[in-house]
């Protein structure tokens, strides 16, 4: 199960998603990119369905 937390970068809030506690390269992004993901969530789902093995 993923680990989700919040952080800050140069005064901006960030969401941080890790595969596990040892994950050295977490996936992190701010509000602007989070909005883009939400606006395009159906396309993201299609992408995963197309390429998930």
Protein backbone atom coordinates (compact mmCIF):
# COMPACT_ATOMS: atom_id res chain seq x y z
CA UNK A 1 0.00 0.00 0.00
CA UNK A 2 1.25 3.47 -0.84
CA UNK A 3 2.19 6.04 1.76
CA UNK A 4 0.76 9.52 1.19
CA UNK A 5 1.88 12.61 3.06
CA UNK A 6 2.17 16.36 2.59
CA UNK A 7 5.31 18.43 2.32
CA UNK A 8 6.39 21.89 1.27
CA UNK A 9 8.72 23.16 -1.46
CA UNK A 10 9.72 26.83 -1.55
CA UNK A 11 6.65 27.71 0.51
CA UNK A 12 4.24 25.73 -1.68
CA UNK A 13 2.26 22.70 -0.46
CA UNK A 14 3.12 19.36 -2.04
CA UNK A 15 1.56 15.91 -1.94
CA UNK A 16 4.10 13.09 -1.63
CA UNK A 17 3.31 9.50 -2.64
CA UNK A 18 5.73 6.70 -1.80
CA UNK A 19 5.60 3.00 -2.70
CA UNK A 20 6.84 2.21 0.81
CA UNK A 21 8.78 3.78 3.66
CA UNK A 22 12.12 3.06 1.92
CA UNK A 23 11.14 4.70 -1.38
CA UNK A 24 14.07 6.97 -2.29
CA UNK A 25 12.29 8.63 -5.22
CA UNK A 26 8.72 9.53 -4.21
CA UNK A 27 6.19 10.95 -6.63
CA UNK A 28 5.43 14.49 -5.56
CA UNK A 29 3.59 17.45 -7.01
CA UNK A 30 1.78 20.62 -6.06
CA UNK A 31 -1.76 21.94 -6.34
CA UNK A 32 -1.40 23.09 -9.95
CA UNK A 33 -0.41 19.63 -11.19
CA UNK A 34 -2.93 17.94 -8.88
CA UNK A 35 -5.68 19.97 -10.58
CA UNK A 36 -4.41 18.84 -14.00
CA UNK A 37 -4.55 15.21 -12.88
CA UNK A 38 -8.09 15.62 -11.56
CA UNK A 39 -9.23 17.36 -14.74
CA UNK A 40 -7.82 14.49 -16.80
CA UNK A 41 -8.42 11.52 -14.51
CA UNK A 42 -10.32 9.56 -17.18
CA UNK A 43 -7.38 9.87 -19.59
CA UNK A 44 -5.02 8.74 -16.82
CA UNK A 45 -7.23 5.70 -16.21
CA UNK A 46 -7.24 4.86 -19.94
CA UNK A 47 -3.46 5.18 -20.04
CA UNK A 48 -3.07 2.75 -17.13
CA UNK A 49 -5.51 0.28 -18.69
CA UNK A 50 -3.65 0.44 -22.00
CA UNK A 51 -0.13 -0.10 -20.63
CA UNK A 52 -0.60 -1.95 -17.33
CA UNK A 53 0.88 -5.44 -17.59
